[in-house]
Amino acid sequence: MALRNIRKYGDEILRKKSRKVDNIDDRIITIINDMEETLYSANGVGLAAPQIGILKRIVVIDVGDGIIKLINPEIIETEGSYVDVEGCLSIPGRQEKVERPYRVKVKALNEKGEEVTIEGKELLARAFCHEIDHLNGVLYIDKAINPEGEE
């Protein structure tokens, strides 16, 4: 495993759409493992592959219950909404209020290529939405309520 550099706001790769992973090979597993190490090193909650400069649909998340590794994740169901503060490893030192679903159900592949469905509420639901947005070139500040510097 290796630490990867986290791309920062202004890097054009953060605004690009990621490609589907067609084949889970050793290279993809290495990327996932590096993302996990990078996430923990940065004390983050989630990390998407574009944040380390790779336009692949891969995310890793840990809200305190252990690592979740998702390949080609898709949101298949949402329920409710609530507003809370979000931050991002690619936008250090900044936090904004964002409205997100209260509950989210995600379908994805695990590292073995098996389809998994995971449901999350509150912080996990927020992390799913935030990281999947990254795969589509969307940053949380695009969805912020009263962004920094605006009244």
N, C-alpha and C. Protein backbone atom coordinates (compact mmCIF):
# COMPACT_ATOMS: atom_id res chain seq x y z
N MET A 1 0.84 -1.19 0.00
CA MET A 1 0.00 0.00 0.00
C MET A 1 0.88 1.24 0.00
N ALA A 2 0.30 2.29 -0.55
CA ALA A 2 1.06 3.53 -0.65
C ALA A 2 0.14 4.72 -0.45
N LEU A 3 0.69 5.76 0.13
CA LEU A 3 -0.05 7.00 0.26
C LEU A 3 -0.09 7.70 -1.09
N ARG A 4 -1.24 8.21 -1.43
CA ARG A 4 -1.40 8.96 -2.67
C ARG A 4 -1.63 10.43 -2.32
N ASN A 5 -1.25 11.31 -3.25
CA ASN A 5 -1.51 12.73 -3.09
C ASN A 5 -2.98 13.01 -3.33
N ILE A 6 -3.58 13.79 -2.45
CA ILE A 6 -4.98 14.17 -2.61
C ILE A 6 -5.04 15.45 -3.43
N ARG A 7 -5.77 15.39 -4.53
CA ARG A 7 -5.92 16.55 -5.40
C ARG A 7 -6.77 17.61 -4.70
N LYS A 8 -6.39 18.85 -4.89
CA LYS A 8 -7.05 19.96 -4.21
C LYS A 8 -7.96 20.74 -5.16
N TYR A 9 -8.89 21.47 -4.54
CA TYR A 9 -9.85 22.30 -5.28
C TYR A 9 -9.11 23.16 -6.29
N GLY A 10 -9.62 23.19 -7.51
CA GLY A 10 -8.97 23.90 -8.60
C GLY A 10 -8.34 22.94 -9.59
N ASP A 11 -8.02 21.72 -9.15
CA ASP A 11 -7.49 20.68 -10.04
C ASP A 11 -8.63 20.23 -10.95
N GLU A 12 -8.44 20.33 -12.25
CA GLU A 12 -9.52 20.04 -13.20
C GLU A 12 -10.03 18.60 -13.14
N ILE A 13 -9.22 17.67 -12.67
CA ILE A 13 -9.66 16.27 -12.61
C ILE A 13 -10.85 16.11 -11.66
N LEU A 14 -10.97 16.98 -10.66
CA LEU A 14 -12.08 16.89 -9.71
C LEU A 14 -13.43 17.23 -10.36
N ARG A 15 -13.39 17.80 -11.55
CA ARG A 15 -14.62 18.19 -12.25
C ARG A 15 -14.97 17.24 -13.39
N LYS A 16 -14.20 16.17 -13.53
CA LYS A 16 -14.43 15.22 -14.63
C LYS A 16 -15.24 14.02 -14.14
N LYS A 17 -15.96 13.41 -15.06
CA LYS A 17 -16.76 12.23 -14.74
C LYS A 17 -15.87 10.98 -14.81
N SER A 18 -16.00 10.13 -13.80
CA SER A 18 -15.20 8.91 -13.73
C SER A 18 -15.80 7.80 -14.59
N ARG A 19 -14.92 6.91 -15.03
CA ARG A 19 -15.33 5.77 -15.87
C ARG A 19 -15.63 4.56 -15.01
N LYS A 20 -16.54 3.76 -15.49
CA LYS A 20 -16.91 2.51 -14.84
C LYS A 20 -15.71 1.57 -14.82
N VAL A 21 -15.58 0.80 -13.76
CA VAL A 21 -14.56 -0.23 -13.67
C VAL A 21 -15.13 -1.48 -14.33
N ASP A 22 -14.49 -1.94 -15.41
CA ASP A 22 -14.98 -3.12 -16.14
C ASP A 22 -14.36 -4.41 -15.64
N ASN A 23 -13.15 -4.32 -15.08
CA ASN A 23 -12.43 -5.52 -14.68
C ASN A 23 -11.72 -5.25 -13.35
N ILE A 24 -12.02 -6.04 -12.34
CA ILE A 24 -11.37 -5.87 -11.04
C ILE A 24 -10.12 -6.73 -11.03
N ASP A 25 -9.00 -6.09 -11.34
CA ASP A 25 -7.72 -6.79 -11.41
C ASP A 25 -6.81 -6.31 -10.28
N ASP A 26 -5.56 -6.75 -10.31
CA ASP A 26 -4.61 -6.38 -9.26
C ASP A 26 -4.41 -4.87 -9.19
N ARG A 27 -4.45 -4.20 -10.34
CA ARG A 27 -4.26 -2.75 -10.36
C ARG A 27 -5.40 -2.05 -9.60
N ILE A 28 -6.62 -2.50 -9.81
CA ILE A 28 -7.78 -1.91 -9.13
C ILE A 28 -7.69 -2.18 -7.62
N ILE A 29 -7.30 -3.37 -7.24
CA ILE A 29 -7.16 -3.71 -5.83
C ILE A 29 -6.08 -2.84 -5.18
N THR A 30 -4.98 -2.61 -5.90
CA THR A 30 -3.92 -1.74 -5.39
C THR A 30 -4.45 -0.32 -5.18
N ILE A 31 -5.21 0.18 -6.15
CA ILE A 31 -5.80 1.52 -6.02
C ILE A 31 -6.67 1.60 -4.78
N ILE A 32 -7.53 0.59 -4.59
CA ILE A 32 -8.43 0.58 -3.43
C ILE A 32 -7.64 0.56 -2.13
N ASN A 33 -6.63 -0.28 -2.05
CA ASN A 33 -5.81 -0.35 -0.84
C ASN A 33 -5.07 0.95 -0.58
N ASP A 34 -4.55 1.57 -1.64
CA ASP A 34 -3.88 2.87 -1.50
C ASP A 34 -4.87 3.94 -1.04
N MET A 35 -6.10 3.88 -1.57
CA MET A 35 -7.13 4.84 -1.16
C MET A 35 -7.45 4.69 0.33
N GLU A 36 -7.53 3.46 0.79
CA GLU A 36 -7.80 3.21 2.21
C GLU A 36 -6.69 3.80 3.07
N GLU A 37 -5.45 3.53 2.72
CA GLU A 37 -4.33 4.06 3.49
C GLU A 37 -4.31 5.59 3.47
N THR A 38 -4.60 6.16 2.31
CA THR A 38 -4.61 7.62 2.15
C THR A 38 -5.74 8.24 2.98
N LEU A 39 -6.91 7.59 2.97
CA LEU A 39 -8.06 8.07 3.76
C LEU A 39 -7.70 8.14 5.23
N TYR A 40 -7.15 7.05 5.75
CA TYR A 40 -6.82 7.02 7.18
C TYR A 40 -5.70 8.00 7.52
N SER A 41 -4.73 8.13 6.65
CA SER A 41 -3.63 9.06 6.89
C SER A 41 -4.12 10.50 6.96
N ALA A 42 -5.16 10.81 6.16
CA ALA A 42 -5.70 12.17 6.11
C ALA A 42 -6.82 12.39 7.14
N ASN A 43 -7.12 11.34 7.93
CA ASN A 43 -8.20 11.42 8.91
C ASN A 43 -9.54 11.81 8.28
N GLY A 44 -9.82 11.22 7.11
CA GLY A 44 -11.06 11.51 6.42
C GLY A 44 -12.14 10.49 6.70
N VAL A 45 -13.33 10.80 6.19
CA VAL A 45 -14.49 9.91 6.29
C VAL A 45 -14.66 9.14 4.99
N GLY A 46 -14.32 9.79 3.87
CA GLY A 46 -14.47 9.15 2.57
C GLY A 46 -13.46 9.68 1.58
N LEU A 47 -13.23 8.88 0.55
CA LEU A 47 -12.30 9.27 -0.51
C LEU A 47 -12.76 8.61 -1.81
N ALA A 48 -12.79 9.41 -2.86
CA ALA A 48 -13.16 8.91 -4.18
C ALA A 48 -11.91 8.92 -5.07
N ALA A 49 -11.85 7.97 -6.00
CA ALA A 49 -10.65 7.83 -6.84
C ALA A 49 -10.23 9.13 -7.55
N PRO A 50 -11.17 9.97 -8.04
CA PRO A 50 -10.72 11.21 -8.67
C PRO A 50 -9.90 12.10 -7.73
N GLN A 51 -10.12 11.97 -6.44
CA GLN A 51 -9.37 12.78 -5.48
C GLN A 51 -7.90 12.39 -5.41
N ILE A 52 -7.56 11.21 -5.93
CA ILE A 52 -6.14 10.84 -6.03
C ILE A 52 -5.71 10.79 -7.50
N GLY A 53 -6.50 11.44 -8.36
CA GLY A 53 -6.12 11.59 -9.76
C GLY A 53 -6.48 10.42 -10.66
N ILE A 54 -7.39 9.56 -10.22
CA ILE A 54 -7.77 8.39 -11.02
C ILE A 54 -9.26 8.47 -11.35
N LEU A 55 -9.58 8.54 -12.63
CA LEU A 55 -10.98 8.68 -13.05
C LEU A 55 -11.65 7.31 -13.19
N LYS A 56 -11.76 6.64 -12.07
CA LYS A 56 -12.44 5.35 -11.98
C LYS A 56 -13.52 5.45 -10.91
N ARG A 57 -14.60 4.71 -11.07
CA ARG A 57 -15.73 4.77 -10.14
C ARG A 57 -15.46 3.88 -8.92
N ILE A 58 -14.61 4.39 -8.03
CA ILE A 58 -14.22 3.68 -6.81
C ILE A 58 -14.29 4.67 -5.64
N VAL A 59 -14.88 4.22 -4.52
CA VAL A 59 -14.89 5.03 -3.31
C VAL A 59 -14.56 4.16 -2.11
N VAL A 60 -13.98 4.77 -1.10
CA VAL A 60 -13.78 4.13 0.20
C VAL A 60 -14.36 5.07 1.25
N ILE A 61 -15.03 4.47 2.24
CA ILE A 61 -15.71 5.25 3.28
C ILE A 61 -15.52 4.55 4.61
N ASP A 62 -15.29 5.35 5.66
CA ASP A 62 -15.31 4.81 7.01
C ASP A 62 -15.85 5.90 7.93
N VAL A 63 -17.06 5.68 8.42
CA VAL A 63 -17.68 6.63 9.35
C VAL A 63 -17.48 6.20 10.79
N GLY A 64 -16.56 5.24 10.99
CA GLY A 64 -16.24 4.78 12.32
C GLY A 64 -16.65 3.34 12.58
N ASP A 65 -17.27 2.72 11.58
CA ASP A 65 -17.73 1.33 11.72
C ASP A 65 -16.92 0.36 10.88
N GLY A 66 -15.77 0.80 10.36
CA GLY A 66 -14.95 -0.04 9.49
C GLY A 66 -15.05 0.40 8.04
N ILE A 67 -14.06 0.02 7.28
CA ILE A 67 -13.94 0.48 5.90
C ILE A 67 -15.01 -0.16 5.00
N ILE A 68 -15.56 0.68 4.13
CA ILE A 68 -16.49 0.23 3.08
C ILE A 68 -15.82 0.57 1.76
N LYS A 69 -15.62 -0.44 0.93
CA LYS A 69 -14.97 -0.26 -0.37
C LYS A 69 -16.00 -0.56 -1.46
N LEU A 70 -16.26 0.42 -2.32
CA LEU A 70 -17.30 0.27 -3.33
C LEU A 70 -16.75 0.55 -4.73
N ILE A 71 -17.10 -0.33 -5.65
CA ILE A 71 -16.72 -0.18 -7.05
C ILE A 71 -18.01 0.02 -7.85
N ASN A 72 -18.03 1.02 -8.70
CA ASN A 72 -19.20 1.37 -9.51
C ASN A 72 -20.46 1.59 -8.66
N PRO A 73 -20.35 2.37 -7.58
CA PRO A 73 -21.53 2.56 -6.73
C PRO A 73 -22.61 3.39 -7.41
N GLU A 74 -23.85 3.03 -7.11
CA GLU A 74 -25.01 3.77 -7.61
C GLU A 74 -26.00 3.93 -6.47
N ILE A 75 -26.58 5.10 -6.36
CA ILE A 75 -27.65 5.31 -5.39
C ILE A 75 -28.93 4.77 -6.01
N ILE A 76 -29.58 3.83 -5.31
CA ILE A 76 -30.79 3.23 -5.86
C ILE A 76 -32.05 3.64 -5.10
N GLU A 77 -31.86 4.26 -3.94
CA GLU A 77 -33.02 4.66 -3.15
C GLU A 77 -32.60 5.73 -2.15
N THR A 78 -33.46 6.72 -1.95
CA THR A 78 -33.22 7.73 -0.92
C THR A 78 -34.52 8.00 -0.17
N GLU A 79 -34.37 8.54 1.03
CA GLU A 79 -35.54 8.86 1.83
C GLU A 79 -35.21 10.03 2.74
N GLY A 80 -36.15 10.96 2.85
CA GLY A 80 -36.02 12.08 3.77
C GLY A 80 -34.93 13.05 3.36
N SER A 81 -34.69 14.01 4.22
CA SER A 81 -33.60 14.95 4.00
C SER A 81 -33.24 15.63 5.31
N TYR A 82 -32.02 16.09 5.38
CA TYR A 82 -31.59 16.90 6.51
C TYR A 82 -30.37 17.70 6.10
N VAL A 83 -30.13 18.75 6.84
CA VAL A 83 -29.01 19.64 6.56
C VAL A 83 -27.96 19.45 7.64
N ASP A 84 -26.71 19.35 7.21
CA ASP A 84 -25.59 19.26 8.15
C ASP A 84 -24.36 19.86 7.48
N VAL A 85 -23.32 20.01 8.25
CA VAL A 85 -22.07 20.60 7.76
C VAL A 85 -21.23 19.50 7.11
N GLU A 86 -20.65 19.83 5.96
CA GLU A 86 -19.74 18.92 5.26
C GLU A 86 -18.41 19.59 5.02
N GLY A 87 -17.40 18.76 4.92
CA GLY A 87 -16.09 19.20 4.51
C GLY A 87 -15.58 18.21 3.47
N CYS A 88 -14.38 18.43 2.99
CA CYS A 88 -13.83 17.57 1.95
C CYS A 88 -12.31 17.62 2.00
N LEU A 89 -11.70 16.45 1.85
CA LEU A 89 -10.23 16.39 1.86
C LEU A 89 -9.62 17.19 0.71
N SER A 90 -10.39 17.40 -0.36
CA SER A 90 -9.89 18.17 -1.50
C SER A 90 -10.11 19.67 -1.34
N ILE A 91 -10.84 20.05 -0.29
CA ILE A 91 -11.08 21.47 -0.02
C ILE A 91 -10.78 21.71 1.46
N PRO A 92 -9.50 21.63 1.83
CA PRO A 92 -9.15 21.72 3.25
C PRO A 92 -9.50 23.06 3.87
N GLY A 93 -9.89 23.01 5.14
CA GLY A 93 -10.13 24.24 5.89
C GLY A 93 -11.47 24.90 5.63
N ARG A 94 -12.34 24.25 4.89
CA ARG A 94 -13.63 24.85 4.56
C ARG A 94 -14.75 23.85 4.86
N GLN A 95 -15.84 24.35 5.41
CA GLN A 95 -17.02 23.54 5.66
C GLN A 95 -18.25 24.35 5.29
N GLU A 96 -19.26 23.66 4.78
CA GLU A 96 -20.50 24.31 4.39
C GLU A 96 -21.68 23.43 4.77
N LYS A 97 -22.84 24.06 4.92
CA LYS A 97 -24.07 23.31 5.15
C LYS A 97 -24.59 22.79 3.81
N VAL A 98 -24.96 21.49 3.81
CA VAL A 98 -25.48 20.85 2.60
C VAL A 98 -26.69 20.00 2.97
N GLU A 99 -27.74 20.08 2.16
CA GLU A 99 -28.90 19.22 2.36
C GLU A 99 -28.66 17.90 1.62
N ARG A 100 -28.85 16.80 2.34
CA ARG A 100 -28.66 15.46 1.78
C ARG A 100 -29.82 14.57 2.24
N PRO A 101 -30.03 13.44 1.57
CA PRO A 101 -31.04 12.49 2.05
C PRO A 101 -30.67 11.94 3.43
N TYR A 102 -31.70 11.64 4.23
CA TYR A 102 -31.49 11.06 5.56
C TYR A 102 -31.05 9.60 5.45
N ARG A 103 -31.65 8.89 4.49
CA ARG A 103 -31.34 7.47 4.28
C ARG A 103 -31.04 7.25 2.81
N VAL A 104 -30.01 6.46 2.54
CA VAL A 104 -29.58 6.17 1.17
C VAL A 104 -29.29 4.68 1.05
N LYS A 105 -29.72 4.09 -0.06
CA LYS A 105 -29.37 2.70 -0.36
C LYS A 105 -28.50 2.73 -1.61
N VAL A 106 -27.37 2.04 -1.53
CA VAL A 106 -26.38 2.03 -2.61
C VAL A 106 -26.16 0.60 -3.09
N LYS A 107 -26.05 0.46 -4.40
CA LYS A 107 -25.69 -0.82 -5.01
C LYS A 107 -24.31 -0.64 -5.63
N ALA A 108 -23.43 -1.64 -5.44
CA ALA A 108 -22.07 -1.55 -5.95
C ALA A 108 -21.48 -2.95 -6.03
N LEU A 109 -20.23 -2.99 -6.48
CA LEU A 109 -19.47 -4.23 -6.44
C LEU A 109 -18.46 -4.13 -5.30
N ASN A 110 -18.17 -5.28 -4.68
CA ASN A 110 -17.09 -5.31 -3.70
C ASN A 110 -15.80 -5.71 -4.43
N GLU A 111 -14.72 -5.87 -3.66
CA GLU A 111 -13.42 -6.18 -4.27
C GLU A 111 -13.40 -7.53 -5.00
N LYS A 112 -14.31 -8.40 -4.65
CA LYS A 112 -14.38 -9.72 -5.29
C LYS A 112 -15.27 -9.71 -6.53
N GLY A 113 -15.84 -8.55 -6.83
CA GLY A 113 -16.72 -8.45 -8.00
C GLY A 113 -18.15 -8.85 -7.71
N GLU A 114 -18.47 -9.06 -6.43
CA GLU A 114 -19.82 -9.45 -6.03
C GLU A 114 -20.67 -8.20 -5.84
N GLU A 115 -21.94 -8.28 -6.28
CA GLU A 115 -22.84 -7.15 -6.08
C GLU A 115 -23.25 -7.08 -4.62
N VAL A 116 -23.18 -5.89 -4.06
CA VAL A 116 -23.58 -5.66 -2.68
C VAL A 116 -24.56 -4.49 -2.64
N THR A 117 -25.44 -4.52 -1.67
CA THR A 117 -26.36 -3.41 -1.42
C THR A 117 -26.16 -3.00 0.03
N ILE A 118 -25.93 -1.71 0.24
CA ILE A 118 -25.67 -1.20 1.58
C ILE A 118 -26.60 -0.01 1.82
N GLU A 119 -27.17 0.01 3.00
CA GLU A 119 -28.04 1.12 3.37
C GLU A 119 -27.37 1.92 4.47
N GLY A 120 -27.46 3.23 4.36
CA GLY A 120 -26.87 4.08 5.39
C GLY A 120 -27.82 5.21 5.76
N LYS A 121 -27.70 5.64 7.02
CA LYS A 121 -28.48 6.78 7.50
C LYS A 121 -27.53 7.85 8.00
N GLU A 122 -28.01 9.06 8.00
CA GLU A 122 -27.29 10.22 8.50
C GLU A 122 -25.89 10.32 7.90
N LEU A 123 -24.82 10.18 8.73
CA LEU A 123 -23.46 10.41 8.23
C LEU A 123 -23.08 9.45 7.11
N LEU A 124 -23.44 8.18 7.21
CA LEU A 124 -23.10 7.24 6.15
C LEU A 124 -23.85 7.58 4.87
N ALA A 125 -25.10 7.94 4.98
CA ALA A 125 -25.87 8.36 3.80
C ALA A 125 -25.23 9.59 3.16
N ARG A 126 -24.82 10.53 3.99
CA ARG A 126 -24.16 11.75 3.51
C ARG A 126 -22.85 11.40 2.81
N ALA A 127 -22.09 10.49 3.39
CA ALA A 127 -20.81 10.10 2.80
C ALA A 127 -21.03 9.41 1.44
N PHE A 128 -22.02 8.53 1.36
CA PHE A 128 -22.33 7.89 0.07
C PHE A 128 -22.60 8.96 -0.99
N CYS A 129 -23.47 9.90 -0.67
CA CYS A 129 -23.83 10.96 -1.64
C CYS A 129 -22.61 11.80 -2.02
N HIS A 130 -21.85 12.21 -1.01
CA HIS A 130 -20.68 13.07 -1.23
C HIS A 130 -19.65 12.38 -2.14
N GLU A 131 -19.35 11.11 -1.84
CA GLU A 131 -18.32 10.41 -2.62
C GLU A 131 -18.81 10.06 -4.03
N ILE A 132 -20.06 9.68 -4.16
CA ILE A 132 -20.60 9.38 -5.50
C ILE A 132 -20.68 10.66 -6.32
N ASP A 133 -20.98 11.80 -5.68
CA ASP A 133 -20.91 13.08 -6.39
C ASP A 133 -19.52 13.29 -6.99
N HIS A 134 -18.48 12.97 -6.21
CA HIS A 134 -17.10 13.12 -6.72
C HIS A 134 -16.91 12.34 -8.03
N LEU A 135 -17.53 11.16 -8.13
CA LEU A 135 -17.38 10.33 -9.33
C LEU A 135 -18.02 10.98 -10.55
N ASN A 136 -18.91 11.95 -10.29
CA ASN A 136 -19.59 12.65 -11.37
C ASN A 136 -19.08 14.08 -11.55
N GLY A 137 -17.95 14.39 -10.91
CA GLY A 137 -17.35 15.72 -11.06
C GLY A 137 -18.06 16.81 -10.27
N VAL A 138 -18.85 16.42 -9.28
CA VAL A 138 -19.61 17.37 -8.46
C VAL A 138 -18.96 17.47 -7.09
N LEU A 139 -18.78 18.70 -6.61
CA LEU A 139 -18.22 18.93 -5.29
C LEU A 139 -19.30 19.41 -4.34
N TYR A 140 -19.13 19.15 -3.06
CA TYR A 140 -20.16 19.52 -2.09
C TYR A 140 -20.45 21.02 -2.10
N ILE A 141 -19.45 21.84 -2.41
CA ILE A 141 -19.68 23.29 -2.43
C ILE A 141 -20.67 23.69 -3.53
N ASP A 142 -20.86 22.82 -4.53
CA ASP A 142 -21.85 23.09 -5.58
C ASP A 142 -23.26 23.00 -5.02
N LYS A 143 -23.41 22.30 -3.91
CA LYS A 143 -24.73 22.07 -3.31
C LYS A 143 -24.90 22.80 -1.98
N ALA A 144 -23.91 23.61 -1.62
CA ALA A 144 -23.91 24.27 -0.33
C ALA A 144 -25.07 25.28 -0.21
N ILE A 145 -25.59 25.35 1.01
CA ILE A 145 -26.62 26.33 1.35
C ILE A 145 -25.90 27.54 1.90
N ASN A 146 -26.12 28.71 1.29
CA ASN A 146 -25.42 29.93 1.70
C ASN A 146 -23.91 29.72 1.75
N PRO A 147 -23.29 29.44 0.59
CA PRO A 147 -21.84 29.18 0.59
C PRO A 147 -21.03 30.31 1.21
N GLU A 148 -19.85 29.95 1.65
CA GLU A 148 -18.93 30.88 2.30
C GLU A 148 -18.85 32.19 1.51
N GLY A 149 -18.99 33.28 2.21
CA GLY A 149 -18.88 34.59 1.57
C GLY A 149 -20.20 35.09 1.01
N GLU A 150 -21.27 34.30 1.07
CA GLU A 150 -22.57 34.74 0.57
C GLU A 150 -23.55 34.82 1.73
N GLU A 151 -24.46 35.74 1.65
CA GLU A 151 -25.49 35.88 2.70
C GLU A 151 -26.82 35.43 2.17
